[in-house]
Amino acid sequence: MKRMFLVSMFQTVSNLLKTIEPDLKNKTVTYIPTASKVEKLGFFVKISKWKLKRLGLAVDELEVSEASYEMIVSKLEKNDIIYVTGGNTFYLLQELRRTGADKILIREIEKGKLYIGESAGAIIAAPDIGYSAKMDRAEKAPDLREYSGLNLIDFYVVPHYKNWEMGKAAEEIIHTYSNSLDLKIIRDTQAILVEDKKVRILDKQQKR
């Protein structure tokens, strides 16, 4: 069964992960920070890693842009969960394709491995990432020629709705694409849970 946990900001919804994976202790997560490499997101990367550890997970970092193909295959196959951080979606796609990590990711997720995608990590799962150009700068991925995503979902995630910094870009995406794409819009307090063909939005505030 395909299982995906797609979020705007993991640090605000990390406890929701327990609703789908109650026993996280001693499990391992392949942590991919590649999207953040071309953005100033070091603080958020540290926070999300800390949150994962607080949940009981052992974090095994994989910087795709610097890893060998053999290391990519090994880490994606051996660990229990895959986590892809936020950052620049275009750079992330460029590096996943360049290294062949995209195909390994797809294979592992389709086999049932839990995938956590944060912001760019959520957008990348869509059929195409071109719509996110209003949120990310495509020129940060100069070698990326076309924008087909991993095609793991049949909708398009719009993260950071009403966020103080990214909310305007989210509104522009909604205005431009609401009539042509199946948008799933989430705030920083929400997550999209995908279980095979079942898709639902979880809300941290409703959980209280």
N, C-alpha and C. Protein backbone atom coordinates (compact mmCIF):
# COMPACT_ATOMS: atom_id res chain seq x y z
N MET A 1 0.84 -1.20 0.00
CA MET A 1 0.00 0.00 0.00
C MET A 1 0.88 1.25 0.00
N LYS A 2 0.61 2.14 -0.92
CA LYS A 2 1.35 3.41 -0.98
C LYS A 2 0.92 4.29 0.19
N ARG A 3 1.92 4.78 0.94
CA ARG A 3 1.63 5.65 2.09
C ARG A 3 2.51 6.89 2.03
N MET A 4 1.86 8.04 2.03
CA MET A 4 2.59 9.30 1.91
C MET A 4 2.02 10.31 2.90
N PHE A 5 2.92 11.06 3.51
CA PHE A 5 2.57 12.09 4.48
C PHE A 5 3.16 13.39 3.96
N LEU A 6 2.31 14.23 3.36
CA LEU A 6 2.76 15.41 2.65
C LEU A 6 2.39 16.66 3.44
N VAL A 7 3.39 17.49 3.72
CA VAL A 7 3.18 18.61 4.65
C VAL A 7 3.79 19.90 4.12
N SER A 8 3.35 21.02 4.72
CA SER A 8 3.97 22.32 4.47
C SER A 8 5.21 22.48 5.32
N MET A 9 5.04 22.24 6.63
CA MET A 9 6.11 22.47 7.59
C MET A 9 6.06 21.36 8.64
N PHE A 10 7.00 20.44 8.56
CA PHE A 10 6.96 19.25 9.41
C PHE A 10 6.99 19.58 10.89
N GLN A 11 7.76 20.59 11.26
CA GLN A 11 7.92 20.89 12.68
C GLN A 11 6.61 21.21 13.38
N THR A 12 5.62 21.69 12.63
CA THR A 12 4.34 22.05 13.25
C THR A 12 3.34 20.89 13.29
N VAL A 13 3.60 19.84 12.52
CA VAL A 13 2.63 18.73 12.44
C VAL A 13 3.27 17.37 12.74
N SER A 14 4.47 17.38 13.30
CA SER A 14 5.20 16.12 13.49
C SER A 14 4.41 15.10 14.32
N ASN A 15 3.65 15.57 15.30
CA ASN A 15 2.89 14.64 16.14
C ASN A 15 1.76 13.93 15.38
N LEU A 16 1.32 14.53 14.26
CA LEU A 16 0.29 13.87 13.45
C LEU A 16 0.82 12.58 12.83
N LEU A 17 2.14 12.49 12.69
CA LEU A 17 2.73 11.29 12.11
C LEU A 17 2.40 10.05 12.93
N LYS A 18 2.23 10.24 14.23
CA LYS A 18 1.91 9.12 15.11
C LYS A 18 0.54 8.53 14.81
N THR A 19 -0.33 9.30 14.18
CA THR A 19 -1.67 8.79 13.87
C THR A 19 -1.63 7.72 12.78
N ILE A 20 -0.59 7.74 11.97
CA ILE A 20 -0.49 6.73 10.91
C ILE A 20 0.65 5.75 11.16
N GLU A 21 1.57 6.13 12.03
CA GLU A 21 2.72 5.27 12.34
C GLU A 21 2.98 5.38 13.85
N PRO A 22 2.15 4.72 14.67
CA PRO A 22 2.25 4.89 16.12
C PRO A 22 3.54 4.37 16.73
N ASP A 23 4.17 3.39 16.10
CA ASP A 23 5.40 2.82 16.65
C ASP A 23 6.61 3.23 15.81
N LEU A 24 7.18 4.38 16.15
CA LEU A 24 8.32 4.90 15.40
C LEU A 24 9.66 4.62 16.06
N LYS A 25 9.63 4.22 17.29
CA LYS A 25 10.87 4.04 18.04
C LYS A 25 11.78 3.01 17.39
N ASN A 26 13.04 3.39 17.24
CA ASN A 26 14.10 2.54 16.68
C ASN A 26 13.98 2.29 15.18
N LYS A 27 13.04 2.95 14.53
CA LYS A 27 12.98 2.86 13.07
C LYS A 27 13.96 3.87 12.47
N THR A 28 14.34 3.64 11.24
CA THR A 28 15.32 4.51 10.58
C THR A 28 14.68 5.29 9.44
N VAL A 29 15.16 6.52 9.25
CA VAL A 29 14.62 7.36 8.19
C VAL A 29 15.76 7.89 7.33
N THR A 30 15.63 7.72 6.02
CA THR A 30 16.56 8.34 5.08
C THR A 30 16.15 9.79 4.93
N TYR A 31 17.02 10.69 5.37
CA TYR A 31 16.70 12.11 5.45
C TYR A 31 17.41 12.84 4.31
N ILE A 32 16.63 13.39 3.37
CA ILE A 32 17.19 14.01 2.16
C ILE A 32 16.98 15.52 2.22
N PRO A 33 18.06 16.30 2.50
CA PRO A 33 17.94 17.76 2.62
C PRO A 33 18.26 18.51 1.33
N THR A 34 18.36 17.79 0.21
CA THR A 34 18.88 18.35 -1.04
C THR A 34 18.19 19.63 -1.49
N ALA A 35 16.87 19.70 -1.36
CA ALA A 35 16.13 20.89 -1.81
C ALA A 35 16.57 22.14 -1.08
N SER A 36 17.05 21.99 0.15
CA SER A 36 17.44 23.14 0.96
C SER A 36 18.83 23.66 0.63
N LYS A 37 19.56 22.91 -0.17
CA LYS A 37 20.97 23.24 -0.42
C LYS A 37 21.15 24.60 -1.09
N VAL A 38 20.20 25.00 -1.93
CA VAL A 38 20.32 26.27 -2.66
C VAL A 38 19.46 27.38 -2.03
N GLU A 39 18.94 27.10 -0.85
CA GLU A 39 18.16 28.09 -0.11
C GLU A 39 18.75 28.25 1.29
N LYS A 40 18.42 29.32 1.96
CA LYS A 40 18.92 29.55 3.33
C LYS A 40 17.94 28.94 4.33
N LEU A 41 18.00 27.62 4.45
CA LEU A 41 17.03 26.91 5.29
C LEU A 41 17.70 26.01 6.32
N GLY A 42 18.94 26.32 6.65
CA GLY A 42 19.68 25.49 7.59
C GLY A 42 18.98 25.28 8.92
N PHE A 43 18.36 26.34 9.42
CA PHE A 43 17.67 26.25 10.72
C PHE A 43 16.51 25.27 10.65
N PHE A 44 15.71 25.34 9.56
CA PHE A 44 14.56 24.46 9.44
C PHE A 44 14.98 23.00 9.25
N VAL A 45 16.11 22.80 8.58
CA VAL A 45 16.64 21.44 8.41
C VAL A 45 17.00 20.86 9.78
N LYS A 46 17.65 21.65 10.60
CA LYS A 46 18.03 21.19 11.94
C LYS A 46 16.80 20.89 12.80
N ILE A 47 15.81 21.75 12.71
CA ILE A 47 14.59 21.56 13.51
C ILE A 47 13.86 20.28 13.09
N SER A 48 13.73 20.05 11.80
CA SER A 48 13.00 18.86 11.35
C SER A 48 13.75 17.58 11.73
N LYS A 49 15.08 17.61 11.67
CA LYS A 49 15.86 16.44 12.11
C LYS A 49 15.65 16.20 13.61
N TRP A 50 15.63 17.27 14.37
CA TRP A 50 15.42 17.15 15.81
C TRP A 50 14.04 16.58 16.11
N LYS A 51 13.04 17.02 15.36
CA LYS A 51 11.68 16.52 15.55
C LYS A 51 11.60 15.02 15.25
N LEU A 52 12.28 14.59 14.19
CA LEU A 52 12.29 13.16 13.85
C LEU A 52 12.93 12.35 14.97
N LYS A 53 14.02 12.85 15.50
CA LYS A 53 14.69 12.15 16.59
C LYS A 53 13.82 12.11 17.84
N ARG A 54 13.10 13.19 18.09
CA ARG A 54 12.19 13.23 19.25
C ARG A 54 11.08 12.19 19.13
N LEU A 55 10.74 11.84 17.90
CA LEU A 55 9.72 10.81 17.68
C LEU A 55 10.27 9.40 17.84
N GLY A 56 11.59 9.30 18.05
CA GLY A 56 12.22 8.01 18.25
C GLY A 56 12.95 7.45 17.05
N LEU A 57 12.99 8.22 15.97
CA LEU A 57 13.61 7.74 14.74
C LEU A 57 15.12 7.97 14.72
N ALA A 58 15.83 7.05 14.09
CA ALA A 58 17.25 7.23 13.83
C ALA A 58 17.39 7.86 12.45
N VAL A 59 18.04 9.01 12.38
CA VAL A 59 18.13 9.78 11.14
C VAL A 59 19.42 9.44 10.38
N ASP A 60 19.26 8.99 9.15
CA ASP A 60 20.39 8.65 8.28
C ASP A 60 20.37 9.63 7.10
N GLU A 61 21.21 10.65 7.15
CA GLU A 61 21.16 11.72 6.15
C GLU A 61 21.73 11.27 4.80
N LEU A 62 21.08 11.71 3.74
CA LEU A 62 21.52 11.43 2.37
C LEU A 62 21.44 12.71 1.55
N GLU A 63 22.58 13.33 1.31
CA GLU A 63 22.63 14.49 0.41
C GLU A 63 22.80 13.96 -1.01
N VAL A 64 21.69 13.89 -1.72
CA VAL A 64 21.67 13.25 -3.04
C VAL A 64 22.66 13.88 -4.00
N SER A 65 22.81 15.19 -3.95
CA SER A 65 23.68 15.88 -4.91
C SER A 65 25.15 15.52 -4.76
N GLU A 66 25.52 14.92 -3.62
CA GLU A 66 26.93 14.59 -3.37
C GLU A 66 27.18 13.09 -3.24
N ALA A 67 26.13 12.29 -3.24
CA ALA A 67 26.26 10.86 -2.98
C ALA A 67 26.47 10.05 -4.26
N SER A 68 27.13 8.92 -4.11
CA SER A 68 27.27 7.99 -5.22
C SER A 68 25.94 7.26 -5.43
N TYR A 69 25.78 6.71 -6.61
CA TYR A 69 24.55 5.97 -6.91
C TYR A 69 24.40 4.79 -5.95
N GLU A 70 25.51 4.13 -5.65
CA GLU A 70 25.49 2.98 -4.76
C GLU A 70 25.00 3.37 -3.36
N MET A 71 25.46 4.53 -2.87
CA MET A 71 25.03 4.99 -1.56
C MET A 71 23.55 5.35 -1.56
N ILE A 72 23.09 5.99 -2.63
CA ILE A 72 21.68 6.35 -2.75
C ILE A 72 20.81 5.11 -2.68
N VAL A 73 21.16 4.09 -3.46
CA VAL A 73 20.39 2.84 -3.48
C VAL A 73 20.39 2.19 -2.10
N SER A 74 21.56 2.13 -1.49
CA SER A 74 21.70 1.47 -0.18
C SER A 74 20.83 2.13 0.87
N LYS A 75 20.90 3.46 0.98
CA LYS A 75 20.17 4.16 2.04
C LYS A 75 18.66 4.18 1.80
N LEU A 76 18.26 4.33 0.54
CA LEU A 76 16.82 4.34 0.27
C LEU A 76 16.20 2.96 0.46
N GLU A 77 16.97 1.92 0.19
CA GLU A 77 16.44 0.57 0.32
C GLU A 77 16.43 0.08 1.77
N LYS A 78 17.46 0.41 2.53
CA LYS A 78 17.60 -0.22 3.85
C LYS A 78 16.77 0.44 4.95
N ASN A 79 16.53 1.75 4.86
CA ASN A 79 15.82 2.44 5.94
C ASN A 79 14.31 2.29 5.83
N ASP A 80 13.64 2.49 6.96
CA ASP A 80 12.20 2.21 7.04
C ASP A 80 11.34 3.30 6.41
N ILE A 81 11.82 4.54 6.45
CA ILE A 81 11.04 5.71 6.03
C ILE A 81 11.92 6.60 5.16
N ILE A 82 11.31 7.34 4.25
CA ILE A 82 12.03 8.33 3.44
C ILE A 82 11.46 9.71 3.75
N TYR A 83 12.35 10.66 3.99
CA TYR A 83 11.93 12.03 4.30
C TYR A 83 12.67 12.99 3.36
N VAL A 84 11.92 13.85 2.68
CA VAL A 84 12.50 14.84 1.77
C VAL A 84 12.09 16.23 2.25
N THR A 85 13.07 17.08 2.52
CA THR A 85 12.81 18.39 3.11
C THR A 85 12.30 19.41 2.08
N GLY A 86 11.97 20.57 2.62
CA GLY A 86 11.61 21.70 1.78
C GLY A 86 12.84 22.38 1.21
N GLY A 87 12.58 23.37 0.35
CA GLY A 87 13.66 24.08 -0.34
C GLY A 87 13.22 24.42 -1.75
N ASN A 88 14.11 24.28 -2.69
CA ASN A 88 13.81 24.58 -4.08
C ASN A 88 13.41 23.31 -4.83
N THR A 89 12.16 23.25 -5.26
CA THR A 89 11.63 22.05 -5.90
C THR A 89 12.34 21.74 -7.21
N PHE A 90 12.72 22.76 -7.94
CA PHE A 90 13.36 22.55 -9.25
C PHE A 90 14.77 21.97 -9.07
N TYR A 91 15.50 22.50 -8.11
CA TYR A 91 16.84 21.95 -7.84
C TYR A 91 16.72 20.51 -7.34
N LEU A 92 15.74 20.25 -6.51
CA LEU A 92 15.52 18.89 -6.01
C LEU A 92 15.27 17.93 -7.16
N LEU A 93 14.37 18.29 -8.06
CA LEU A 93 14.06 17.42 -9.20
C LEU A 93 15.29 17.23 -10.07
N GLN A 94 16.02 18.29 -10.31
CA GLN A 94 17.24 18.20 -11.12
C GLN A 94 18.21 17.16 -10.55
N GLU A 95 18.44 17.22 -9.25
CA GLU A 95 19.41 16.32 -8.63
C GLU A 95 18.90 14.90 -8.50
N LEU A 96 17.61 14.73 -8.25
CA LEU A 96 17.04 13.38 -8.22
C LEU A 96 17.18 12.71 -9.57
N ARG A 97 16.92 13.46 -10.62
CA ARG A 97 17.05 12.89 -11.97
C ARG A 97 18.50 12.62 -12.33
N ARG A 98 19.37 13.59 -12.07
CA ARG A 98 20.78 13.47 -12.45
C ARG A 98 21.43 12.23 -11.84
N THR A 99 21.06 11.92 -10.62
CA THR A 99 21.69 10.82 -9.90
C THR A 99 20.97 9.48 -10.05
N GLY A 100 19.76 9.53 -10.60
CA GLY A 100 18.95 8.31 -10.69
C GLY A 100 18.17 8.01 -9.43
N ALA A 101 18.25 8.92 -8.45
CA ALA A 101 17.54 8.70 -7.18
C ALA A 101 16.03 8.73 -7.38
N ASP A 102 15.55 9.44 -8.40
CA ASP A 102 14.11 9.52 -8.63
C ASP A 102 13.49 8.15 -8.82
N LYS A 103 14.14 7.31 -9.61
CA LYS A 103 13.60 5.98 -9.90
C LYS A 103 13.62 5.08 -8.66
N ILE A 104 14.66 5.21 -7.84
CA ILE A 104 14.73 4.42 -6.62
C ILE A 104 13.65 4.87 -5.63
N LEU A 105 13.48 6.17 -5.52
CA LEU A 105 12.43 6.72 -4.66
C LEU A 105 11.06 6.17 -5.04
N ILE A 106 10.73 6.27 -6.32
CA ILE A 106 9.44 5.81 -6.81
C ILE A 106 9.25 4.32 -6.51
N ARG A 107 10.28 3.54 -6.77
CA ARG A 107 10.19 2.09 -6.54
C ARG A 107 9.92 1.77 -5.08
N GLU A 108 10.65 2.43 -4.17
CA GLU A 108 10.50 2.15 -2.75
C GLU A 108 9.13 2.59 -2.23
N ILE A 109 8.66 3.74 -2.69
CA ILE A 109 7.35 4.23 -2.26
C ILE A 109 6.24 3.33 -2.77
N GLU A 110 6.36 2.90 -4.00
CA GLU A 110 5.32 2.02 -4.58
C GLU A 110 5.32 0.64 -3.93
N LYS A 111 6.43 0.27 -3.29
CA LYS A 111 6.49 -0.98 -2.54
C LYS A 111 5.86 -0.84 -1.15
N GLY A 112 5.52 0.41 -0.75
CA GLY A 112 4.84 0.60 0.51
C GLY A 112 5.64 1.32 1.58
N LYS A 113 6.85 1.76 1.27
CA LYS A 113 7.66 2.48 2.26
C LYS A 113 7.06 3.86 2.50
N LEU A 114 6.94 4.23 3.77
CA LEU A 114 6.35 5.53 4.11
C LEU A 114 7.23 6.66 3.61
N TYR A 115 6.59 7.62 2.93
CA TYR A 115 7.28 8.79 2.39
C TYR A 115 6.75 10.03 3.09
N ILE A 116 7.66 10.83 3.63
CA ILE A 116 7.31 12.12 4.21
C ILE A 116 7.89 13.20 3.32
N GLY A 117 7.04 14.02 2.74
CA GLY A 117 7.49 15.09 1.86
C GLY A 117 7.09 16.43 2.43
N GLU A 118 8.08 17.28 2.67
CA GLU A 118 7.84 18.59 3.26
C GLU A 118 8.00 19.68 2.20
N SER A 119 6.95 20.44 1.93
CA SER A 119 6.98 21.55 0.98
C SER A 119 7.49 21.08 -0.39
N ALA A 120 8.73 21.37 -0.75
CA ALA A 120 9.27 20.89 -2.02
C ALA A 120 9.17 19.37 -2.12
N GLY A 121 9.37 18.70 -0.99
CA GLY A 121 9.28 17.25 -0.96
C GLY A 121 7.87 16.74 -1.21
N ALA A 122 6.87 17.61 -0.96
CA ALA A 122 5.48 17.26 -1.27
C ALA A 122 5.15 17.59 -2.73
N ILE A 123 5.60 18.75 -3.18
CA ILE A 123 5.34 19.18 -4.55
C ILE A 123 5.93 18.21 -5.57
N ILE A 124 7.11 17.69 -5.27
CA ILE A 124 7.84 16.82 -6.20
C ILE A 124 7.05 15.55 -6.55
N ALA A 125 6.11 15.17 -5.68
CA ALA A 125 5.35 13.94 -5.89
C ALA A 125 4.29 14.08 -6.97
N ALA A 126 3.99 15.30 -7.39
CA ALA A 126 2.93 15.57 -8.36
C ALA A 126 3.33 15.12 -9.78
N PRO A 127 2.38 15.10 -10.70
CA PRO A 127 2.70 14.75 -12.09
C PRO A 127 3.67 15.74 -12.74
N ASP A 128 3.62 17.00 -12.32
CA ASP A 128 4.45 18.05 -12.90
C ASP A 128 4.66 19.12 -11.83
N ILE A 129 5.84 19.74 -11.81
CA ILE A 129 6.13 20.74 -10.78
C ILE A 129 6.13 22.17 -11.32
N GLY A 130 5.83 22.33 -12.60
CA GLY A 130 5.89 23.65 -13.22
C GLY A 130 5.06 24.70 -12.52
N TYR A 131 3.93 24.29 -11.95
CA TYR A 131 3.03 25.24 -11.27
C TYR A 131 3.69 25.92 -10.08
N SER A 132 4.74 25.30 -9.53
CA SER A 132 5.37 25.85 -8.32
C SER A 132 6.38 26.95 -8.62
N ALA A 133 6.50 27.35 -9.88
CA ALA A 133 7.45 28.41 -10.24
C ALA A 133 7.09 29.73 -9.58
N LYS A 134 5.86 29.87 -9.14
CA LYS A 134 5.47 31.09 -8.43
C LYS A 134 5.97 31.08 -6.98
N MET A 135 6.42 29.91 -6.54
CA MET A 135 6.91 29.76 -5.18
C MET A 135 8.43 29.56 -5.14
N ASP A 136 8.98 28.92 -6.16
CA ASP A 136 10.41 28.62 -6.24
C ASP A 136 11.01 29.18 -7.52
N ARG A 137 12.30 29.47 -7.47
CA ARG A 137 12.98 30.01 -8.65
C ARG A 137 13.55 28.87 -9.50
N ALA A 138 12.98 28.70 -10.70
CA ALA A 138 13.39 27.61 -11.58
C ALA A 138 14.83 27.75 -12.06
N GLU A 139 15.35 28.98 -12.09
CA GLU A 139 16.72 29.18 -12.58
C GLU A 139 17.78 28.60 -11.65
N LYS A 140 17.38 28.19 -10.45
CA LYS A 140 18.34 27.55 -9.55
C LYS A 140 18.62 26.10 -9.96
N ALA A 141 17.92 25.65 -10.98
CA ALA A 141 18.16 24.31 -11.55
C ALA A 141 18.45 24.47 -13.04
N PRO A 142 19.63 24.98 -13.40
CA PRO A 142 19.91 25.33 -14.79
C PRO A 142 19.96 24.14 -15.75
N ASP A 143 20.13 22.93 -15.21
CA ASP A 143 20.23 21.75 -16.07
C ASP A 143 18.90 21.01 -16.23
N LEU A 144 17.86 21.54 -15.60
CA LEU A 144 16.55 20.88 -15.67
C LEU A 144 15.81 21.38 -16.91
N ARG A 145 15.51 20.48 -17.82
CA ARG A 145 14.92 20.86 -19.11
C ARG A 145 13.40 20.79 -19.14
N GLU A 146 12.82 19.92 -18.37
CA GLU A 146 11.35 19.85 -18.30
C GLU A 146 10.95 19.43 -16.89
N TYR A 147 9.69 19.60 -16.56
CA TYR A 147 9.27 19.62 -15.17
C TYR A 147 8.37 18.47 -14.73
N SER A 148 8.43 17.36 -15.41
CA SER A 148 7.64 16.20 -14.97
C SER A 148 8.09 15.76 -13.59
N GLY A 149 7.10 15.63 -12.66
CA GLY A 149 7.43 15.23 -11.30
C GLY A 149 7.50 13.72 -11.16
N LEU A 150 7.47 13.24 -9.92
CA LEU A 150 7.58 11.80 -9.68
C LEU A 150 6.28 11.07 -10.01
N ASN A 151 5.19 11.81 -10.15
CA ASN A 151 3.89 11.24 -10.56
C ASN A 151 3.42 10.15 -9.59
N LEU A 152 3.63 10.38 -8.32
CA LEU A 152 3.19 9.44 -7.29
C LEU A 152 1.77 9.75 -6.81
N ILE A 153 1.30 10.95 -7.13
CA ILE A 153 -0.05 11.37 -6.80
C ILE A 153 -0.68 11.98 -8.05
N ASP A 154 -2.01 12.08 -8.08
CA ASP A 154 -2.66 12.65 -9.26
C ASP A 154 -3.18 14.06 -9.00
N PHE A 155 -2.67 14.68 -7.93
CA PHE A 155 -3.05 16.06 -7.62
C PHE A 155 -1.78 16.88 -7.39
N TYR A 156 -2.00 18.16 -7.06
CA TYR A 156 -0.88 19.11 -6.95
C TYR A 156 -0.95 19.81 -5.60
N VAL A 157 0.07 19.59 -4.79
CA VAL A 157 0.07 20.16 -3.44
C VAL A 157 0.46 21.65 -3.49
N VAL A 158 -0.33 22.44 -2.80
CA VAL A 158 0.01 23.86 -2.61
C VAL A 158 0.28 24.07 -1.12
N PRO A 159 1.55 24.10 -0.71
CA PRO A 159 1.86 24.27 0.70
C PRO A 159 1.88 25.74 1.11
N HIS A 160 1.93 25.96 2.40
CA HIS A 160 2.14 27.29 3.00
C HIS A 160 0.98 28.27 2.76
N TYR A 161 -0.24 27.74 2.61
CA TYR A 161 -1.40 28.63 2.47
C TYR A 161 -1.54 29.46 3.75
N LYS A 162 -1.66 30.77 3.58
CA LYS A 162 -1.79 31.73 4.68
C LYS A 162 -0.51 31.90 5.50
N ASN A 163 0.59 31.34 5.03
CA ASN A 163 1.87 31.55 5.70
C ASN A 163 2.31 33.01 5.51
N TRP A 164 2.92 33.60 6.52
CA TRP A 164 3.27 35.03 6.48
C TRP A 164 4.26 35.34 5.36
N GLU A 165 5.10 34.38 5.00
CA GLU A 165 6.13 34.63 4.00
C GLU A 165 5.78 34.04 2.64
N MET A 166 5.30 32.80 2.62
CA MET A 166 5.03 32.09 1.37
C MET A 166 3.56 32.13 0.95
N GLY A 167 2.73 32.69 1.80
CA GLY A 167 1.29 32.68 1.53
C GLY A 167 0.90 33.40 0.25
N LYS A 168 1.59 34.49 -0.07
CA LYS A 168 1.27 35.24 -1.29
C LYS A 168 1.51 34.39 -2.53
N ALA A 169 2.62 33.65 -2.55
CA ALA A 169 2.92 32.77 -3.68
C ALA A 169 1.87 31.66 -3.78
N ALA A 170 1.44 31.14 -2.64
CA ALA A 170 0.40 30.11 -2.64
C ALA A 170 -0.90 30.66 -3.24
N GLU A 171 -1.25 31.89 -2.88
CA GLU A 171 -2.45 32.52 -3.42
C GLU A 171 -2.34 32.70 -4.94
N GLU A 172 -1.17 33.04 -5.42
CA GLU A 172 -0.97 33.21 -6.86
C GLU A 172 -1.13 31.89 -7.60
N ILE A 173 -0.62 30.81 -7.01
CA ILE A 173 -0.79 29.49 -7.62
C ILE A 173 -2.26 29.13 -7.68
N ILE A 174 -2.98 29.36 -6.59
CA ILE A 174 -4.41 29.05 -6.54
C ILE A 174 -5.17 29.85 -7.60
N HIS A 175 -4.86 31.15 -7.70
CA HIS A 175 -5.53 32.01 -8.66
C HIS A 175 -5.27 31.55 -10.10
N THR A 176 -4.04 31.13 -10.38
CA THR A 176 -3.65 30.77 -11.74
C THR A 176 -4.14 29.38 -12.14
N TYR A 177 -4.11 28.42 -11.21
CA TYR A 177 -4.30 27.02 -11.59
C TYR A 177 -5.55 26.34 -11.02
N SER A 178 -6.36 27.04 -10.25
CA SER A 178 -7.50 26.38 -9.60
C SER A 178 -8.50 25.79 -10.60
N ASN A 179 -8.57 26.34 -11.80
CA ASN A 179 -9.51 25.83 -12.80
C ASN A 179 -8.92 24.78 -13.72
N SER A 180 -7.60 24.58 -13.65
CA SER A 180 -6.97 23.65 -14.58
C SER A 180 -6.28 22.47 -13.90
N LEU A 181 -5.95 22.60 -12.61
CA LEU A 181 -5.27 21.52 -11.89
C LEU A 181 -6.06 21.15 -10.64
N ASP A 182 -5.93 19.91 -10.24
CA ASP A 182 -6.55 19.45 -8.99
C ASP A 182 -5.61 19.83 -7.84
N LEU A 183 -5.83 21.00 -7.28
CA LEU A 183 -4.96 21.50 -6.22
C LEU A 183 -5.43 20.99 -4.85
N LYS A 184 -4.46 20.58 -4.04
CA LYS A 184 -4.73 20.26 -2.64
C LYS A 184 -3.97 21.30 -1.82
N ILE A 185 -4.71 22.18 -1.18
CA ILE A 185 -4.14 23.36 -0.52
C ILE A 185 -4.03 23.10 0.99
N ILE A 186 -2.83 23.30 1.54
CA ILE A 186 -2.65 23.05 2.97
C ILE A 186 -1.94 24.21 3.67
N ARG A 187 -2.36 24.45 4.90
CA ARG A 187 -1.69 25.39 5.78
C ARG A 187 -0.51 24.69 6.44
N ASP A 188 0.26 25.46 7.19
CA ASP A 188 1.42 24.88 7.87
C ASP A 188 1.02 23.97 9.03
N THR A 189 -0.25 23.99 9.41
CA THR A 189 -0.74 23.13 10.49
C THR A 189 -1.45 21.89 9.95
N GLN A 190 -1.34 21.64 8.65
CA GLN A 190 -2.06 20.53 8.04
C GLN A 190 -1.10 19.57 7.31
N ALA A 191 -1.62 18.37 7.08
CA ALA A 191 -0.88 17.36 6.33
C ALA A 191 -1.84 16.62 5.42
N ILE A 192 -1.35 16.16 4.29
CA ILE A 192 -2.14 15.32 3.40
C ILE A 192 -1.68 13.88 3.58
N LEU A 193 -2.61 13.02 3.94
CA LEU A 193 -2.30 11.60 4.10
C LEU A 193 -2.81 10.84 2.88
N VAL A 194 -1.89 10.15 2.22
CA VAL A 194 -2.24 9.33 1.05
C VAL A 194 -2.06 7.87 1.43
N GLU A 195 -3.13 7.11 1.32
CA GLU A 195 -3.08 5.66 1.55
C GLU A 195 -3.70 5.01 0.33
N ASP A 196 -2.83 4.55 -0.57
CA ASP A 196 -3.26 4.09 -1.89
C ASP A 196 -4.08 5.18 -2.57
N LYS A 197 -5.35 4.93 -2.88
CA LYS A 197 -6.17 5.93 -3.58
C LYS A 197 -6.95 6.83 -2.62
N LYS A 198 -6.84 6.56 -1.34
CA LYS A 198 -7.54 7.37 -0.34
C LYS A 198 -6.67 8.57 0.04
N VAL A 199 -7.25 9.77 -0.04
CA VAL A 199 -6.53 11.00 0.27
C VAL A 199 -7.35 11.81 1.26
N ARG A 200 -6.72 12.19 2.37
CA ARG A 200 -7.44 13.04 3.33
C ARG A 200 -6.49 14.04 3.96
N ILE A 201 -7.06 15.14 4.41
CA ILE A 201 -6.27 16.21 5.04
C ILE A 201 -6.41 16.11 6.55
N LEU A 202 -5.29 16.03 7.23
CA LEU A 202 -5.24 16.00 8.68
C LEU A 202 -4.90 17.40 9.17
N ASP A 203 -5.48 17.79 10.29
CA ASP A 203 -5.24 19.13 10.81
C ASP A 203 -4.82 19.05 12.28
N LYS A 204 -3.69 19.63 12.59
CA LYS A 204 -3.17 19.63 13.96
C LYS A 204 -4.16 20.29 14.91
N GLN A 205 -4.80 21.35 14.46
CA GLN A 205 -5.70 22.10 15.35
C GLN A 205 -6.98 21.32 15.63
N GLN A 206 -7.46 20.54 14.68
CA GLN A 206 -8.66 19.74 14.90
C GLN A 206 -8.38 18.57 15.83
N LYS A 207 -7.10 18.16 15.89
CA LYS A 207 -6.72 17.02 16.72
C LYS A 207 -6.82 17.34 18.21
N ARG A 208 -6.68 18.63 18.54
CA ARG A 208 -6.68 19.03 19.95
C ARG A 208 -8.05 18.82 20.59
